[in-house]
């Protein structure tokens, strides 16, 4: 079941620089990994867990989790999968619990965490998928506060923590890995090119490609799989991005952002370049 299955990864460049950062980050109960779509967040966390041989319960969030009963249902299935020796399932969230969601949540996660043998990691992937007004965020806030010693929670999102998490931030229970850290370095770009077996063919264009993609993993991989070295130079000189890169941006980034940002992008796209202050 994909919703509670850890992503399968292969042929991934180990990003030791970020692995060390995550080692430090997990000194706190909660680690928040956020950056734009396609920057390699989920792949990073999955490869890190593999590298450190850490067991995990991976939960894939989607729009349906706005109904918190869905969250508890699938977490119950995940707990059964992670700790099959426990015969009694975790409780379902039914209407009689609506008057006191907080108490149900605390007891649910106390029970869940007691079944996980430390060290253990609970990953909440695609946290941004749920509407900002949903009760889901209050439930997760309670869960984060209940995390015991030896059980870490990693949240993967395109957005920084919402206002509901302010107290966790103030109490220094939450650490961050953001877009500035997630951007590919020049060495990592070259490493991914080598991993794709194109180091010889692309050697002269690696630096130019790195400058153009600005550390964006998905853009690099799409270019390596579908583009060619001549397109790198054409793109650098102002020609439109390759079709696959454009389609990814349009479908995964543009279509899933809010209307105000879409309007800004459409208006500023009329110019070949624009300073941030002028765009504002």
Protein backbone atom coordinates (compact mmCIF):
# COMPACT_ATOMS: atom_id res chain seq x y z
CA UNK A 1 0.00 0.00 0.00
CA UNK A 2 1.73 3.18 -1.24
CA UNK A 3 0.25 5.37 1.49
CA UNK A 4 2.17 3.59 4.23
CA UNK A 5 5.08 2.24 2.17
CA UNK A 6 8.59 3.62 2.20
CA UNK A 7 9.69 4.79 -1.27
CA UNK A 8 11.84 2.37 -3.19
CA UNK A 9 15.02 4.03 -4.33
CA UNK A 10 17.95 2.84 -6.43
CA UNK A 11 20.78 4.47 -8.28
CA UNK A 12 20.76 7.48 -5.94
CA UNK A 13 23.79 9.62 -5.15
CA UNK A 14 24.52 9.44 -1.40
CA UNK A 15 24.53 13.08 -0.27
CA UNK A 16 26.87 12.73 2.70
CA UNK A 17 26.86 16.47 3.29
CA UNK A 18 23.13 16.34 4.00
CA UNK A 19 23.35 13.02 5.83
CA UNK A 20 25.62 14.69 8.38
CA UNK A 21 23.16 17.58 8.62
CA UNK A 22 20.32 15.14 9.30
CA UNK A 23 22.44 13.42 11.96
CA UNK A 24 22.61 16.77 13.75
CA UNK A 25 18.97 17.54 13.04
CA UNK A 26 17.77 14.32 14.68
CA UNK A 27 19.24 15.48 17.98
CA UNK A 28 15.85 17.20 18.35
CA UNK A 29 12.52 15.30 18.39
CA UNK A 30 11.25 16.76 15.10
CA UNK A 31 13.09 17.52 11.84
CA UNK A 32 11.33 19.64 9.22
CA UNK A 33 12.65 19.18 5.67
CA UNK A 34 11.16 21.73 3.28
CA UNK A 35 11.87 22.92 -0.23
CA UNK A 36 10.20 23.25 -3.64
CA UNK A 37 8.86 20.31 -5.61
CA UNK A 38 11.52 18.17 -7.23
CA UNK A 39 14.37 19.22 -4.97
CA UNK A 40 14.93 15.66 -3.73
CA UNK A 41 13.42 15.85 -0.22
CA UNK A 42 11.82 12.38 -0.08
CA UNK A 43 14.74 10.72 -1.85
CA UNK A 44 17.15 12.36 0.58
CA UNK A 45 15.27 11.16 3.66
CA UNK A 46 14.76 7.63 2.28
CA UNK A 47 18.43 7.30 1.30
CA UNK A 48 19.49 8.68 4.68
CA UNK A 49 17.40 6.07 6.51
CA UNK A 50 18.94 3.36 4.33
CA UNK A 51 22.44 4.69 4.96
CA UNK A 52 21.96 4.80 8.74
CA UNK A 53 19.92 1.56 8.79
CA UNK A 54 17.13 3.24 10.73
CA UNK A 55 13.71 1.55 10.82
CA UNK A 56 10.84 3.84 9.91
CA UNK A 57 7.11 4.17 9.59
CA UNK A 58 6.54 6.16 6.38
CA UNK A 59 3.20 7.93 5.95
CA UNK A 60 2.32 9.51 2.59
CA UNK A 61 -0.02 12.44 3.16
CA UNK A 62 -2.57 13.50 0.53
CA UNK A 63 -5.68 15.71 0.32
CA UNK A 64 -7.80 12.93 1.85
CA UNK A 65 -6.02 13.35 5.17
CA UNK A 66 -7.98 16.54 5.71
CA UNK A 67 -10.49 14.07 7.16
CA UNK A 68 -8.56 13.14 10.31
CA UNK A 69 -10.32 9.76 10.53
CA UNK A 70 -8.33 8.83 7.42
CA UNK A 71 -5.06 9.73 9.15
CA UNK A 72 -5.83 7.56 12.18
CA UNK A 73 -7.06 4.67 10.04
CA UNK A 74 -3.93 4.44 7.91
CA UNK A 75 -1.60 5.06 10.85
CA UNK A 76 -3.30 2.11 12.52
CA UNK A 77 -2.53 -0.05 9.49
CA UNK A 78 1.06 1.22 9.47
CA UNK A 79 1.44 0.39 13.17
CA UNK A 80 0.21 -3.15 12.55
CA UNK A 81 2.76 -3.51 9.77
CA UNK A 82 5.59 -2.05 11.87
CA UNK A 83 4.80 -4.03 15.05
CA UNK A 84 2.86 -7.18 14.11
CA UNK A 85 3.43 -8.77 17.53
CA UNK A 86 0.80 -6.45 19.02
CA UNK A 87 -2.52 -8.22 18.60
CA UNK A 88 -4.79 -5.33 19.56
CA UNK A 89 -5.17 -2.73 16.77
CA UNK A 90 -5.00 0.97 17.44
CA UNK A 91 -8.44 2.57 17.87
CA UNK A 92 -10.35 4.05 14.96
CA UNK A 93 -11.47 7.66 15.15
CA UNK A 94 -15.26 7.52 15.30
CA UNK A 95 -17.86 10.30 15.81
CA UNK A 96 -18.04 9.92 19.59
CA UNK A 97 -14.47 11.24 19.84
CA UNK A 98 -15.25 14.52 18.07
CA UNK A 99 -15.90 16.52 21.30
CA UNK A 100 -12.37 15.83 22.55
CA UNK A 101 -10.04 15.24 19.61
CA UNK A 102 -6.96 16.27 21.60
CA UNK A 103 -7.39 13.54 24.22
CA UNK A 104 -7.98 10.85 21.57
CA UNK A 105 -4.90 12.06 19.68
CA UNK A 106 -2.61 11.98 22.72
CA UNK A 107 -3.70 8.47 23.69
CA UNK A 108 -3.48 7.22 20.11
CA UNK A 109 0.09 8.42 19.65
CA UNK A 110 1.18 7.28 23.12
CA UNK A 111 -0.04 3.82 22.10
CA UNK A 112 1.56 4.04 18.66
CA UNK A 113 4.96 5.18 19.92
CA UNK A 114 4.99 2.51 22.64
CA UNK A 115 4.93 -0.11 19.85
CA UNK A 116 8.02 1.25 18.10
CA UNK A 117 11.38 0.02 19.33
CA UNK A 118 13.92 2.88 19.46
CA UNK A 119 15.70 4.12 17.52
CA UNK A 120 12.77 4.64 15.16
CA UNK A 121 11.67 7.32 12.72
CA UNK A 122 8.14 8.36 11.77
CA UNK A 123 8.15 10.14 8.40
CA UNK A 124 5.24 12.38 7.36
CA UNK A 125 5.73 13.00 3.64
CA UNK A 126 4.03 15.72 1.53
CA UNK A 127 2.75 17.57 4.58
CA UNK A 128 1.79 20.55 2.38
CA UNK A 129 -0.95 18.49 0.67
CA UNK A 130 -3.52 19.19 3.40
CA UNK A 131 -5.48 22.47 3.48
CA UNK A 132 -4.17 25.00 5.98
CA UNK A 133 -7.53 25.20 7.80
CA UNK A 134 -7.82 21.47 8.45
CA UNK A 135 -7.89 19.99 11.98
CA UNK A 136 -5.16 17.69 10.65
CA UNK A 137 -2.52 20.23 11.72
CA UNK A 138 -3.69 20.26 15.34
CA UNK A 139 -3.58 16.45 15.37
CA UNK A 140 -0.02 16.42 14.03
CA UNK A 141 1.00 19.08 16.54
CA UNK A 142 -0.19 16.80 19.36
CA UNK A 143 1.65 13.87 17.78
CA UNK A 144 4.90 15.83 17.57
CA UNK A 145 4.60 16.82 21.22
CA UNK A 146 4.13 13.16 22.26
CA UNK A 147 7.29 11.87 20.55
CA UNK A 148 9.31 9.96 23.19
CA UNK A 149 13.08 9.66 23.51
CA UNK A 150 14.43 7.50 20.71
CA UNK A 151 11.54 8.10 18.31
CA UNK A 152 12.14 10.94 15.87
CA UNK A 153 9.62 12.51 13.50
CA UNK A 154 10.69 13.80 10.09
CA UNK A 155 8.21 16.05 8.27
CA UNK A 156 8.71 16.54 4.52
CA UNK A 157 6.94 19.53 2.98
CA UNK A 158 7.10 22.19 0.32
CA UNK A 159 6.29 24.75 2.99
CA UNK A 160 7.86 25.79 6.30
CA UNK A 161 6.01 24.84 9.51
CA UNK A 162 2.52 26.39 9.83
CA UNK A 163 1.57 28.70 12.69
CA UNK A 164 0.23 25.72 14.67
CA UNK A 165 3.84 24.57 15.16
CA UNK A 166 5.06 27.86 16.67
CA UNK A 167 5.32 26.47 20.20
CA UNK A 168 7.50 23.56 19.07
CA UNK A 169 9.82 26.03 17.36
CA UNK A 170 9.95 28.26 20.44
CA UNK A 171 10.78 25.26 22.67
CA UNK A 172 13.61 24.23 20.33
CA UNK A 173 12.04 20.84 19.69
CA UNK A 174 12.13 21.35 15.95
CA UNK A 175 15.12 21.56 13.60
CA UNK A 176 15.14 22.58 9.94
CA UNK A 177 16.67 21.50 6.65
CA UNK A 178 15.61 23.99 3.98
CA UNK A 179 16.06 24.84 0.32
CA UNK A 180 19.40 26.53 0.89
CA UNK A 181 20.79 23.24 2.19
CA UNK A 182 18.93 21.02 -0.30
CA UNK A 183 20.29 22.76 -3.41
CA UNK A 184 22.79 20.61 -5.27
CA UNK A 185 26.41 21.66 -4.95
CA UNK A 186 28.63 21.62 -8.05
CA UNK A 187 30.19 18.37 -6.80
CA UNK A 188 26.78 16.75 -6.33
CA UNK A 189 25.68 17.82 -9.81
CA UNK A 190 28.78 16.19 -11.27
CA UNK A 191 28.18 13.10 -9.13
CA UNK A 192 24.64 12.69 -10.51
CA UNK A 193 25.91 13.15 -14.07
CA UNK A 194 28.46 10.38 -13.43
CA UNK A 195 25.78 8.19 -11.88
CA UNK A 196 23.83 8.48 -15.14
CA UNK A 197 26.92 7.36 -17.07
CA UNK A 198 27.25 10.64 -18.99
CA UNK A 199 30.37 12.14 -17.44
CA UNK A 200 32.47 11.84 -20.60
CA UNK A 201 29.77 13.08 -22.98
CA UNK A 202 28.68 15.97 -20.75
CA UNK A 203 31.98 16.96 -19.14
CA UNK A 204 32.29 20.33 -20.87
CA UNK A 205 28.67 21.24 -20.09
CA UNK A 206 28.44 20.22 -16.40
CA UNK A 207 29.34 23.64 -14.97
CA UNK A 208 26.94 25.41 -17.33
CA UNK A 209 24.14 22.96 -16.54
CA UNK A 210 24.75 23.39 -12.81
CA UNK A 211 24.53 27.18 -13.13
CA UNK A 212 21.30 26.90 -15.11
CA UNK A 213 19.38 24.45 -12.91
CA UNK A 214 20.29 26.31 -9.69
CA UNK A 215 20.53 23.14 -7.58
CA UNK A 216 17.18 21.65 -8.69
CA UNK A 217 17.48 17.83 -8.68
CA UNK A 218 14.40 17.06 -10.81
CA UNK A 219 15.51 19.51 -13.50
CA UNK A 220 18.95 17.91 -13.67
CA UNK A 221 17.61 14.36 -13.86
CA UNK A 222 15.02 15.24 -16.51
CA UNK A 223 17.68 16.96 -18.56
CA UNK A 224 20.06 14.00 -18.30
CA UNK A 225 17.38 11.50 -19.29
CA UNK A 226 15.73 13.45 -22.12
CA UNK A 227 18.01 16.33 -23.11
CA UNK A 228 21.35 16.60 -24.85
CA UNK A 229 24.47 18.69 -24.46
CA UNK A 230 23.54 21.04 -27.29
CA UNK A 231 20.33 21.98 -25.48
CA UNK A 232 22.34 23.01 -22.43
CA UNK A 233 24.05 25.75 -24.41
CA UNK A 234 20.82 26.80 -26.15
CA UNK A 235 18.99 26.95 -22.81
CA UNK A 236 21.81 28.96 -21.27
CA UNK A 237 21.54 31.49 -24.12
CA UNK A 238 17.85 32.06 -23.47
CA UNK A 239 16.00 29.41 -25.47
CA UNK A 240 13.00 27.90 -23.66
CA UNK A 241 13.56 25.00 -21.29
CA UNK A 242 13.31 21.45 -22.70
CA UNK A 243 9.72 20.19 -22.93
CA UNK A 244 10.03 17.65 -20.09
CA UNK A 245 11.45 20.27 -17.73
CA UNK A 246 8.67 22.70 -18.68
CA UNK A 247 5.96 20.04 -18.22
CA UNK A 248 7.28 19.11 -14.77
CA UNK A 249 7.34 22.75 -13.72
CA UNK A 250 3.82 23.34 -15.10
CA UNK A 251 2.25 20.20 -13.60
CA UNK A 252 4.07 19.80 -10.29
CA UNK A 253 4.91 23.38 -9.34
CA UNK A 254 2.79 25.94 -11.16
CA UNK A 255 -0.53 24.05 -11.08
CA UNK A 256 -0.20 23.32 -7.36
CA UNK A 257 0.61 26.82 -6.15
CA UNK A 258 -1.87 29.47 -5.12
CA UNK A 259 -3.53 31.92 -7.52
CA UNK A 260 -1.50 34.96 -6.39
CA UNK A 261 1.81 33.23 -7.12
CA UNK A 262 0.48 31.94 -10.44
CA UNK A 263 -0.50 35.49 -11.41
CA UNK A 264 2.96 36.80 -10.49
CA UNK A 265 4.73 34.09 -12.49
CA UNK A 266 2.57 34.67 -15.57
CA UNK A 267 3.14 38.43 -15.53
CA UNK A 268 6.88 38.29 -14.92
CA UNK A 269 7.29 35.56 -17.58
CA UNK A 270 6.68 38.22 -20.25
CA UNK A 271 10.19 39.57 -19.62
CA UNK A 272 13.47 37.71 -20.28
CA UNK A 273 14.66 38.69 -16.79
CA UNK A 274 13.46 40.78 -13.87
CA UNK A 275 14.88 41.90 -10.53
CA UNK A 276 13.01 40.62 -7.42
CA UNK A 277 12.37 44.20 -6.23
CA UNK A 278 10.77 45.14 -9.56
CA UNK A 279 8.66 41.95 -9.54
CA UNK A 280 7.40 42.89 -6.09
